[in-house]
Each structure stands twice: as structure tokens, then as C-alpha cells.
Amino acid sequence: MLSLFFHFFVTRWQHPLNTFAAVKSITVFLKKEMNKVFSFIALAFLGGGSAAAQQVNVSNVQRPKLVVGIVVDQMRWDYLYRYYARYGEGGFKRMLGEGFSVENCKIPYIPSVTAIGHSSIWTGSVPSIHGIAGNNFVKDGKVVNCTADDTVNPVGSDSKAGKMSPRNLWVTTIGDELRLATNNRSKVIGVALKDRASILPAGHHANGAFWFDDKSGKFITSTFYMDKLPEWVNKFNKQKLPNKYLSKKWETLYPID
């Protein structure tokens, strides 16, 4: 399996509701799965041998080859309907029509900043358990970045932006569990503009995590994951897309007014 996490950010600042829909989705999903487990256990005790005799053929279970997790920073849940008429048929309309929308859930923590939200979504946990208490928080009497790690070095840049890893995350992510469940045959990759948005969702056992370095204008990583950038990352960086985009006039898809 290939599990690829993309995280897109449209503004710099966080809104209290920006992880609302995502956290609701994971919460309801976990509750449903736990209900299935408890129902099975109850059936086994009540039905005796007959329940045990009903075995599931695991080889027939349909498993996806690719799982893409998308978090859109600043996109409130109600935007799905507010701008519905402007969405394409193969995008949000398809997800709303063929997927599942959780509409009755709450965020069990504050503040709802990027690092906490991403960690909670991909671990199914909360700050008191997963350890990420903010984008920056106090650790050993000092204020630290949520993914800062002085034991690693940057790869693809010489800036401090590369001294990052998931060491401050105390628990495993969905990607970590996927790697464990498949004896490392699965591939888990995190890609984002922000280091925390790439590193925290991908977890401790990811094949790689890549984030944008403002100093070099390139996507970089750290020695926590590898000693050199993969060729596909180098090819992407050589395109110098940031320079091309910044040299162009910003044309909006719809009139701003």
C-alpha cells in the first residue's frame, strides 16, 4: 500500500474551526469501529461455538492501494455547502455525494492550532496523550517548536528549518500502524509547506517527510528520514516553481468583489 499525506494551506493563521470536520470524522469512525468490535465480542459469548464457526475470509477484503489524506487549513466545514455551486464534479461534490460527512462532533481540546489538529487527526488522540500542545510549547523550561530536534541535520538545505523530526510526538499515527501491520511493505510519505504539517501526520516510521524551506526555496527533509533527497524531489526543486509563481500576476478564479 502507498499512503500519501498532502496538506494544503491557504492562509498563515489558524481559525478555531479549521480542524472541525476532520476531527469529527476520525472520532465518529473510531466509535463505529469500536461498536463493531464490542458487537462481535457479545455475539461470541452469546452464540458460543456458532459465532466462532463464522470465519471471515481475509483474502477477499478489499483494500485500497492508495490513501490520500488532505487537510485544508482555514477551510471551515460549512464551506462545503456555502461554495457548493462552484465545485467541480470530480472534487468536493464527489466526496459529498459518494463519501461521508460527519456533522455532529466537537473538538476536545484548545487551542485548535495546526500542530494539535494534525496530530489529533492522524493519531486519534488528544494533546494530553499525544504530547503536541501547540505549534510552540514549553518543554524542559524552554519554548520549543513542536517538531524541533537538535539531534538531526537538514537535508537539501543548510538552514535550521531542516532540524526537525517527530520526536516530540508521543504516540503512533495511522501511517505508523499501517507500516507495522504490513511489515514495512507500505510506504508513508508526508508533504506540506509547513514542517509540522508534513512531519506530525506522517509519524515516526514514515518513509519520508518533506516541507518547504523559505531560505532555499526548495522542499527539504532531515537526517531523521534519510541522508539525501530522493531524485524525484530534486527534479521538482530544479523547476524553481516558487520563482515562476512569484514573477506572475495573481489572477483569481472568480472576481474578488
C-alpha atoms as a PDB file:
ATOM      1  CA  MET A   1       0.000   0.000   0.000  1.00  0.00           C
ATOM      2  CA  LEU A   2       1.030   3.569  -0.515  1.00  0.00           C
ATOM      3  CA  SER A   3      -0.260   6.098   1.985  1.00  0.00           C
ATOM      4  CA  LEU A   4       0.478   9.646   0.891  1.00  0.00           C
ATOM      5  CA  PHE A   5      -0.395  12.661   3.035  1.00  0.00           C
ATOM      6  CA  PHE A   6      -0.837  16.037   1.355  1.00  0.00           C
ATOM      7  CA  HIS A   7      -1.611  19.102   3.426  1.00  0.00           C
ATOM      8  CA  PHE A   8      -2.607  22.307   1.730  1.00  0.00           C
ATOM      9  CA  PHE A   9      -2.591  25.665   3.497  1.00  0.00           C
ATOM     10  CA  VAL A  10      -4.406  28.728   2.224  1.00  0.00           C
ATOM     11  CA  THR A  11      -3.509  31.223   4.983  1.00  0.00           C
ATOM     12  CA  ARG A  12      -0.956  31.574   7.717  1.00  0.00           C
ATOM     13  CA  TRP A  13      -3.288  31.929  10.672  1.00  0.00           C
ATOM     14  CA  GLN A  14      -5.416  29.258  12.248  1.00  0.00           C
ATOM     15  CA  HIS A  15      -9.188  29.504  12.810  1.00  0.00           C
ATOM     16  CA  PRO A  16     -10.722  27.671  15.826  1.00  0.00           C
ATOM     17  CA  LEU A  17     -12.872  25.601  13.491  1.00  0.00           C
ATOM     18  CA  ASN A  18     -10.255  24.671  10.923  1.00  0.00           C
ATOM     19  CA  THR A  19      -9.897  21.044  12.083  1.00  0.00           C
ATOM     20  CA  PHE A  20     -13.586  20.737  12.939  1.00  0.00           C
ATOM     21  CA  ALA A  21     -14.714  18.417  10.149  1.00  0.00           C
ATOM     22  CA  ALA A  22     -11.563  16.320  10.137  1.00  0.00           C
ATOM     23  CA  VAL A  23     -11.534  15.644  13.872  1.00  0.00           C
ATOM     24  CA  LYS A  24     -15.260  14.876  13.775  1.00  0.00           C
ATOM     25  CA  SER A  25     -14.690  12.340  11.018  1.00  0.00           C
ATOM     26  CA  ILE A  26     -11.976  10.416  12.855  1.00  0.00           C
ATOM     27  CA  THR A  27     -13.950  10.447  16.112  1.00  0.00           C
ATOM     28  CA  VAL A  28     -17.114   9.011  14.580  1.00  0.00           C
ATOM     29  CA  PHE A  29     -15.095   6.470  12.593  1.00  0.00           C
ATOM     30  CA  LEU A  30     -13.351   5.195  15.717  1.00  0.00           C
ATOM     31  CA  LYS A  31     -16.651   4.978  17.622  1.00  0.00           C
ATOM     32  CA  LYS A  32     -18.209   2.920  14.826  1.00  0.00           C
ATOM     33  CA  GLU A  33     -15.232   0.566  14.679  1.00  0.00           C
ATOM     34  CA  MET A  34     -15.264   0.063  18.446  1.00  0.00           C
ATOM     35  CA  ASN A  35     -19.005  -0.669  18.336  1.00  0.00           C
ATOM     36  CA  LYS A  36     -18.317  -3.350  15.730  1.00  0.00           C
ATOM     37  CA  VAL A  37     -15.677  -4.930  17.987  1.00  0.00           C
ATOM     38  CA  PHE A  38     -17.951  -4.930  21.044  1.00  0.00           C
ATOM     39  CA  SER A  39     -20.837  -6.359  18.999  1.00  0.00           C
ATOM     40  CA  PHE A  40     -18.623  -9.179  17.778  1.00  0.00           C
ATOM     41  CA  ILE A  41     -17.439  -9.993  21.317  1.00  0.00           C
ATOM     42  CA  ALA A  42     -21.021 -10.042  22.601  1.00  0.00           C
ATOM     43  CA  LEU A  43     -22.068 -12.326  19.743  1.00  0.00           C
ATOM     44  CA  ALA A  44     -19.184 -14.676  20.500  1.00  0.00           C
ATOM     45  CA  PHE A  45     -20.227 -15.032  24.146  1.00  0.00           C
ATOM     46  CA  LEU A  46     -23.949 -15.383  23.433  1.00  0.00           C
ATOM     47  CA  GLY A  47     -23.678 -17.591  20.401  1.00  0.00           C
ATOM     48  CA  GLY A  48     -20.948 -19.902  21.671  1.00  0.00           C
ATOM     49  CA  GLY A  49     -19.380 -22.096  19.037  1.00  0.00           C
ATOM     50  CA  SER A  50     -21.696 -20.934  16.238  1.00  0.00           C
ATOM     51  CA  ALA A  51     -20.174 -17.453  16.283  1.00  0.00           C
ATOM     52  CA  ALA A  52     -16.656 -18.816  16.280  1.00  0.00           C
ATOM     53  CA  ALA A  53     -17.505 -21.007  13.310  1.00  0.00           C
ATOM     54  CA  GLN A  54     -18.344 -17.997  11.158  1.00  0.00           C
ATOM     55  CA  GLN A  55     -14.916 -17.020   9.906  1.00  0.00           C
ATOM     56  CA  VAL A  56     -14.154 -14.107   7.602  1.00  0.00           C
ATOM     57  CA  ASN A  57     -12.083 -14.780   4.517  1.00  0.00           C
ATOM     58  CA  VAL A  58      -9.447 -12.058   4.920  1.00  0.00           C
ATOM     59  CA  SER A  59      -8.145 -12.569   1.390  1.00  0.00           C
ATOM     60  CA  ASN A  60     -11.453 -11.292  -0.008  1.00  0.00           C
ATOM     61  CA  VAL A  61     -11.359  -7.991   1.905  1.00  0.00           C
ATOM     62  CA  GLN A  62     -10.995  -5.065  -0.491  1.00  0.00           C
ATOM     63  CA  ARG A  63      -8.074  -2.818   0.473  1.00  0.00           C
ATOM     64  CA  PRO A  64      -7.201   0.472  -1.234  1.00  0.00           C
ATOM     65  CA  LYS A  65      -3.838   0.759  -2.962  1.00  0.00           C
ATOM     66  CA  LEU A  66      -3.581   4.470  -2.269  1.00  0.00           C
ATOM     67  CA  VAL A  67      -4.839   6.534   0.654  1.00  0.00           C
ATOM     68  CA  VAL A  68      -4.545  10.322   0.396  1.00  0.00           C
ATOM     69  CA  GLY A  69      -5.199  12.426   3.492  1.00  0.00           C
ATOM     70  CA  ILE A  70      -5.935  16.097   2.803  1.00  0.00           C
ATOM     71  CA  VAL A  71      -6.206  18.848   5.400  1.00  0.00           C
ATOM     72  CA  VAL A  72      -7.172  22.288   4.088  1.00  0.00           C
ATOM     73  CA  ASP A  73      -6.115  24.888   6.630  1.00  0.00           C
ATOM     74  CA  GLN A  74      -8.746  27.576   7.298  1.00  0.00           C
ATOM     75  CA  MET A  75     -11.460  25.702   5.379  1.00  0.00           C
ATOM     76  CA  ARG A  76     -14.414  25.545   7.714  1.00  0.00           C
ATOM     77  CA  TRP A  77     -16.837  22.648   7.415  1.00  0.00           C
ATOM     78  CA  ASP A  78     -19.705  24.901   6.265  1.00  0.00           C
ATOM     79  CA  TYR A  79     -17.671  25.963   3.185  1.00  0.00           C
ATOM     80  CA  LEU A  80     -18.553  22.580   1.683  1.00  0.00           C
ATOM     81  CA  TYR A  81     -22.097  23.852   1.250  1.00  0.00           C
ATOM     82  CA  ARG A  82     -21.545  27.605   1.080  1.00  0.00           C
ATOM     83  CA  TYR A  83     -19.496  27.265  -2.117  1.00  0.00           C
ATOM     84  CA  TYR A  84     -21.076  24.054  -3.378  1.00  0.00           C
ATOM     85  CA  ALA A  85     -22.159  25.555  -6.714  1.00  0.00           C
ATOM     86  CA  ARG A  86     -18.549  26.416  -7.559  1.00  0.00           C
ATOM     87  CA  TYR A  87     -17.070  22.954  -7.009  1.00  0.00           C
ATOM     88  CA  GLY A  88     -16.246  20.596  -9.846  1.00  0.00           C
ATOM     89  CA  GLU A  89     -17.984  17.256 -10.228  1.00  0.00           C
ATOM     90  CA  GLY A  90     -14.833  15.259  -9.512  1.00  0.00           C
ATOM     91  CA  GLY A  91     -13.778  17.141  -6.383  1.00  0.00           C
ATOM     92  CA  PHE A  92     -15.733  18.120  -3.282  1.00  0.00           C
ATOM     93  CA  LYS A  93     -19.050  17.281  -4.961  1.00  0.00           C
ATOM     94  CA  ARG A  94     -17.885  13.717  -5.484  1.00  0.00           C
ATOM     95  CA  MET A  95     -16.705  13.406  -1.876  1.00  0.00           C
ATOM     96  CA  LEU A  96     -20.018  14.755  -0.583  1.00  0.00           C
ATOM     97  CA  GLY A  97     -22.027  12.534  -2.939  1.00  0.00           C
ATOM     98  CA  GLU A  98     -20.072   9.303  -2.555  1.00  0.00           C
ATOM     99  CA  GLY A  99     -18.378   9.834   0.806  1.00  0.00           C
ATOM    100  CA  PHE A 100     -19.454  10.515   4.366  1.00  0.00           C
ATOM    101  CA  SER A 101     -19.792  13.871   6.091  1.00  0.00           C
ATOM    102  CA  VAL A 102     -19.719  13.968   9.898  1.00  0.00           C
ATOM    103  CA  GLU A 103     -21.898  16.870  11.006  1.00  0.00           C
ATOM    104  CA  ASN A 104     -22.272  16.435  14.761  1.00  0.00           C
ATOM    105  CA  CYS A 105     -18.943  16.483  16.543  1.00  0.00           C
ATOM    106  CA  LYS A 106     -16.763  18.701  18.729  1.00  0.00           C
ATOM    107  CA  ILE A 107     -13.064  19.380  19.140  1.00  0.00           C
ATOM    108  CA  PRO A 108     -11.990  18.035  22.567  1.00  0.00           C
ATOM    109  CA  TYR A 109      -9.067  20.451  23.020  1.00  0.00           C
ATOM    110  CA  ILE A 110      -7.878  24.060  22.802  1.00  0.00           C
ATOM    111  CA  PRO A 111      -6.295  25.873  21.068  1.00  0.00           C
ATOM    112  CA  SER A 112      -7.165  24.413  17.669  1.00  0.00           C
ATOM    113  CA  VAL A 113      -3.866  25.289  16.019  1.00  0.00           C
ATOM    114  CA  THR A 114      -2.243  23.415  13.143  1.00  0.00           C
ATOM    115  CA  ALA A 115       0.082  21.111  15.074  1.00  0.00           C
ATOM    116  CA  ILE A 116      -2.531  19.959  17.592  1.00  0.00           C
ATOM    117  CA  GLY A 117      -5.167  19.424  14.926  1.00  0.00           C
ATOM    118  CA  HIS A 118      -2.932  17.413  12.632  1.00  0.00           C
ATOM    119  CA  SER A 119      -1.612  15.287  15.483  1.00  0.00           C
ATOM    120  CA  SER A 120      -5.126  14.595  16.756  1.00  0.00           C
ATOM    121  CA  ILE A 121      -6.462  13.682  13.316  1.00  0.00           C
ATOM    122  CA  TRP A 122      -3.731  11.172  12.484  1.00  0.00           C
ATOM    123  CA  THR A 123      -3.327   9.667  15.956  1.00  0.00           C
ATOM    124  CA  GLY A 124      -6.980   9.711  17.031  1.00  0.00           C
ATOM    125  CA  SER A 125      -5.797  11.167  20.323  1.00  0.00           C
ATOM    126  CA  VAL A 126      -5.616  14.483  22.231  1.00  0.00           C
ATOM    127  CA  PRO A 127      -2.704  16.724  23.373  1.00  0.00           C
ATOM    128  CA  SER A 128      -2.534  15.251  26.892  1.00  0.00           C
ATOM    129  CA  ILE A 129      -1.825  11.861  25.323  1.00  0.00           C
ATOM    130  CA  HIS A 130      -0.029  12.558  22.018  1.00  0.00           C
ATOM    131  CA  GLY A 131       2.160  15.280  23.545  1.00  0.00           C
ATOM    132  CA  ILE A 132       1.725  18.075  20.987  1.00  0.00           C
ATOM    133  CA  ALA A 133       0.329  21.007  22.984  1.00  0.00           C
ATOM    134  CA  GLY A 134       0.694  23.714  20.322  1.00  0.00           C
ATOM    135  CA  ASN A 135       2.722  24.892  17.349  1.00  0.00           C
ATOM    136  CA  ASN A 136       5.159  26.001  20.034  1.00  0.00           C
ATOM    137  CA  PHE A 137       5.091  24.949  23.689  1.00  0.00           C
ATOM    138  CA  VAL A 138       7.223  24.779  26.825  1.00  0.00           C
ATOM    139  CA  LYS A 139       9.478  21.743  27.151  1.00  0.00           C
ATOM    140  CA  ASP A 140      12.039  21.391  29.940  1.00  0.00           C
ATOM    141  CA  GLY A 141      11.521  25.036  30.821  1.00  0.00           C
ATOM    142  CA  LYS A 142      12.091  26.307  27.275  1.00  0.00           C
ATOM    143  CA  VAL A 143       9.725  27.320  24.476  1.00  0.00           C
ATOM    144  CA  VAL A 144      10.285  24.922  21.573  1.00  0.00           C
ATOM    145  CA  ASN A 145       8.877  24.354  18.128  1.00  0.00           C
ATOM    146  CA  CYS A 146       6.600  21.319  18.038  1.00  0.00           C
ATOM    147  CA  THR A 147       8.887  19.448  15.627  1.00  0.00           C
ATOM    148  CA  ALA A 148      12.269  20.921  16.613  1.00  0.00           C
ATOM    149  CA  ASP A 149      15.056  18.365  17.038  1.00  0.00           C
ATOM    150  CA  ASP A 150      18.693  19.389  17.526  1.00  0.00           C
ATOM    151  CA  THR A 151      19.862  15.788  17.147  1.00  0.00           C
ATOM    152  CA  VAL A 152      19.170  15.785  13.389  1.00  0.00           C
ATOM    153  CA  ASN A 153      20.545  17.841  10.490  1.00  0.00           C
ATOM    154  CA  PRO A 154      18.895  19.370   7.414  1.00  0.00           C
ATOM    155  CA  VAL A 155      18.934  17.519   4.105  1.00  0.00           C
ATOM    156  CA  GLY A 156      18.651  19.642   0.961  1.00  0.00           C
ATOM    157  CA  SER A 157      19.448  22.893   2.771  1.00  0.00           C
ATOM    158  CA  ASP A 158      21.812  24.332   5.361  1.00  0.00           C
ATOM    159  CA  SER A 159      19.117  26.265   7.232  1.00  0.00           C
ATOM    160  CA  LYS A 160      17.762  25.490  10.691  1.00  0.00           C
ATOM    161  CA  ALA A 161      14.427  24.702   9.035  1.00  0.00           C
ATOM    162  CA  GLY A 162      15.784  21.219   8.429  1.00  0.00           C
ATOM    163  CA  LYS A 163      16.449  20.386  12.081  1.00  0.00           C
ATOM    164  CA  MET A 164      13.052  18.791  12.517  1.00  0.00           C
ATOM    165  CA  SER A 165      11.581  15.374  13.364  1.00  0.00           C
ATOM    166  CA  PRO A 166       8.515  13.766  15.016  1.00  0.00           C
ATOM    167  CA  ARG A 167      10.348  13.015  18.292  1.00  0.00           C
ATOM    168  CA  ASN A 168       8.022  15.274  20.317  1.00  0.00           C
ATOM    169  CA  LEU A 169       5.031  13.155  19.238  1.00  0.00           C
ATOM    170  CA  TRP A 170       4.459  10.541  21.945  1.00  0.00           C
ATOM    171  CA  VAL A 171       2.167   8.109  20.115  1.00  0.00           C
ATOM    172  CA  THR A 172       1.850   6.379  16.759  1.00  0.00           C
ATOM    173  CA  THR A 173      -0.074   7.667  13.746  1.00  0.00           C
ATOM    174  CA  ILE A 174      -2.265   5.849  11.240  1.00  0.00           C
ATOM    175  CA  GLY A 175       0.770   5.690   8.964  1.00  0.00           C
ATOM    176  CA  ASP A 176       2.908   4.130  11.688  1.00  0.00           C
ATOM    177  CA  GLU A 177       0.305   1.452  12.326  1.00  0.00           C
ATOM    178  CA  LEU A 178      -0.004   0.800   8.594  1.00  0.00           C
ATOM    179  CA  ARG A 179       3.728   0.223   8.332  1.00  0.00           C
ATOM    180  CA  LEU A 180       3.672  -2.111  11.327  1.00  0.00           C
ATOM    181  CA  ALA A 181       0.650  -4.038  10.050  1.00  0.00           C
ATOM    182  CA  THR A 182       2.267  -4.674   6.652  1.00  0.00           C
ATOM    183  CA  ASN A 183       5.757  -5.482   7.929  1.00  0.00           C
ATOM    184  CA  ASN A 184       7.075  -2.237   6.381  1.00  0.00           C
ATOM    185  CA  ARG A 185       5.780  -3.070   2.909  1.00  0.00           C
ATOM    186  CA  SER A 186       3.570   0.027   2.904  1.00  0.00           C
ATOM    187  CA  LYS A 187       5.014   3.427   2.084  1.00  0.00           C
ATOM    188  CA  VAL A 188       4.066   6.514   4.077  1.00  0.00           C
ATOM    189  CA  ILE A 189       5.086   9.982   2.908  1.00  0.00           C
ATOM    190  CA  GLY A 190       4.240  13.430   4.265  1.00  0.00           C
ATOM    191  CA  VAL A 191       4.363  16.530   2.033  1.00  0.00           C
ATOM    192  CA  ALA A 192       3.458  20.070   3.086  1.00  0.00           C
ATOM    193  CA  LEU A 193       4.579  23.659   3.057  1.00  0.00           C
ATOM    194  CA  LYS A 194       4.927  23.649   6.844  1.00  0.00           C
ATOM    195  CA  ASP A 195       7.288  21.236   8.577  1.00  0.00           C
ATOM    196  CA  ARG A 196       4.752  20.341  11.288  1.00  0.00           C
ATOM    197  CA  ALA A 197       2.054  19.592   8.709  1.00  0.00           C
ATOM    198  CA  SER A 198       4.327  17.141   6.949  1.00  0.00           C
ATOM    199  CA  ILE A 199       6.096  15.556   9.921  1.00  0.00           C
ATOM    200  CA  LEU A 200       3.372  15.020  12.516  1.00  0.00           C
ATOM    201  CA  PRO A 201       0.756  13.303  10.297  1.00  0.00           C
ATOM    202  CA  ALA A 202       3.375  11.024   8.700  1.00  0.00           C
ATOM    203  CA  GLY A 203       4.555   9.810  12.089  1.00  0.00           C
ATOM    204  CA  HIS A 204       7.708   8.147  13.422  1.00  0.00           C
ATOM    205  CA  HIS A 205       8.093   5.350  10.894  1.00  0.00           C
ATOM    206  CA  ALA A 206       7.385   7.214   7.657  1.00  0.00           C
ATOM    207  CA  ASN A 207       9.471   6.607   4.553  1.00  0.00           C
ATOM    208  CA  GLY A 208       9.895  10.343   4.282  1.00  0.00           C
ATOM    209  CA  ALA A 209       8.544  13.775   5.142  1.00  0.00           C
ATOM    210  CA  PHE A 210       9.212  16.855   3.019  1.00  0.00           C
ATOM    211  CA  TRP A 211       8.476  20.510   3.712  1.00  0.00           C
ATOM    212  CA  PHE A 212       9.227  23.881   2.109  1.00  0.00           C
ATOM    213  CA  ASP A 213      12.291  25.845   3.177  1.00  0.00           C
ATOM    214  CA  ASP A 214      11.779  29.597   2.760  1.00  0.00           C
ATOM    215  CA  LYS A 215      15.530  30.265   2.731  1.00  0.00           C
ATOM    216  CA  SER A 216      16.404  27.990  -0.182  1.00  0.00           C
ATOM    217  CA  GLY A 217      13.033  27.968  -1.918  1.00  0.00           C
ATOM    218  CA  LYS A 218      13.141  24.175  -2.005  1.00  0.00           C
ATOM    219  CA  PHE A 219      11.473  21.194  -0.404  1.00  0.00           C
ATOM    220  CA  ILE A 220      13.777  19.663   2.184  1.00  0.00           C
ATOM    221  CA  THR A 221      13.860  16.955   4.847  1.00  0.00           C
ATOM    222  CA  SER A 222      16.119  15.920   7.735  1.00  0.00           C
ATOM    223  CA  THR A 223      18.519  13.114   8.606  1.00  0.00           C
ATOM    224  CA  PHE A 224      15.794  11.602  10.761  1.00  0.00           C
ATOM    225  CA  TYR A 225      14.437  10.183   7.483  1.00  0.00           C
ATOM    226  CA  MET A 226      17.366   9.989   5.047  1.00  0.00           C
ATOM    227  CA  ASP A 227      20.820  11.286   4.167  1.00  0.00           C
ATOM    228  CA  LYS A 228      19.948  12.712   0.756  1.00  0.00           C
ATOM    229  CA  LEU A 229      16.857  13.850  -1.120  1.00  0.00           C
ATOM    230  CA  PRO A 230      15.194  11.383  -3.499  1.00  0.00           C
ATOM    231  CA  GLU A 231      15.677  12.116  -7.168  1.00  0.00           C
ATOM    232  CA  TRP A 232      12.005  12.992  -7.661  1.00  0.00           C
ATOM    233  CA  VAL A 233      12.306  15.730  -5.024  1.00  0.00           C
ATOM    234  CA  ASN A 234      15.458  17.086  -6.661  1.00  0.00           C
ATOM    235  CA  LYS A 235      13.721  17.201 -10.030  1.00  0.00           C
ATOM    236  CA  PHE A 236      10.810  19.090  -8.518  1.00  0.00           C
ATOM    237  CA  ASN A 237      13.131  21.584  -6.815  1.00  0.00           C
ATOM    238  CA  LYS A 238      15.070  22.201 -10.042  1.00  0.00           C
ATOM    239  CA  GLN A 239      11.894  23.556 -11.648  1.00  0.00           C
ATOM    240  CA  LYS A 240      12.118  26.582  -9.304  1.00  0.00           C
ATOM    241  CA  LEU A 241       8.360  26.917  -9.290  1.00  0.00           C
ATOM    242  CA  PRO A 242       8.246  29.478  -6.430  1.00  0.00           C
ATOM    243  CA  ASN A 243      10.256  31.939  -8.546  1.00  0.00           C
ATOM    244  CA  LYS A 244       7.988  31.374 -11.533  1.00  0.00           C
ATOM    245  CA  TYR A 245       4.823  31.870  -9.491  1.00  0.00           C
ATOM    246  CA  LEU A 246       6.111  34.990  -7.745  1.00  0.00           C
ATOM    247  CA  SER A 247       7.019  36.586 -11.072  1.00  0.00           C
ATOM    248  CA  LYS A 248       3.438  36.304 -12.320  1.00  0.00           C
ATOM    249  CA  LYS A 249       0.420  38.427 -11.575  1.00  0.00           C
ATOM    250  CA  TRP A 250      -2.102  36.872  -9.204  1.00  0.00           C
ATOM    251  CA  GLU A 251      -5.251  36.130 -11.182  1.00  0.00           C
ATOM    252  CA  THR A 252      -8.207  34.910  -9.133  1.00  0.00           C
ATOM    253  CA  LEU A 253     -10.543  32.265 -10.488  1.00  0.00           C
ATOM    254  CA  TYR A 254     -13.583  34.381  -9.523  1.00  0.00           C
ATOM    255  CA  PRO A 255     -13.888  38.178  -9.095  1.00  0.00           C
ATOM    256  CA  ILE A 256     -12.794  39.206  -5.576  1.00  0.00           C
ATOM    257  CA  ASP A 257     -15.703  41.596  -5.225  1.00  0.00           C
END
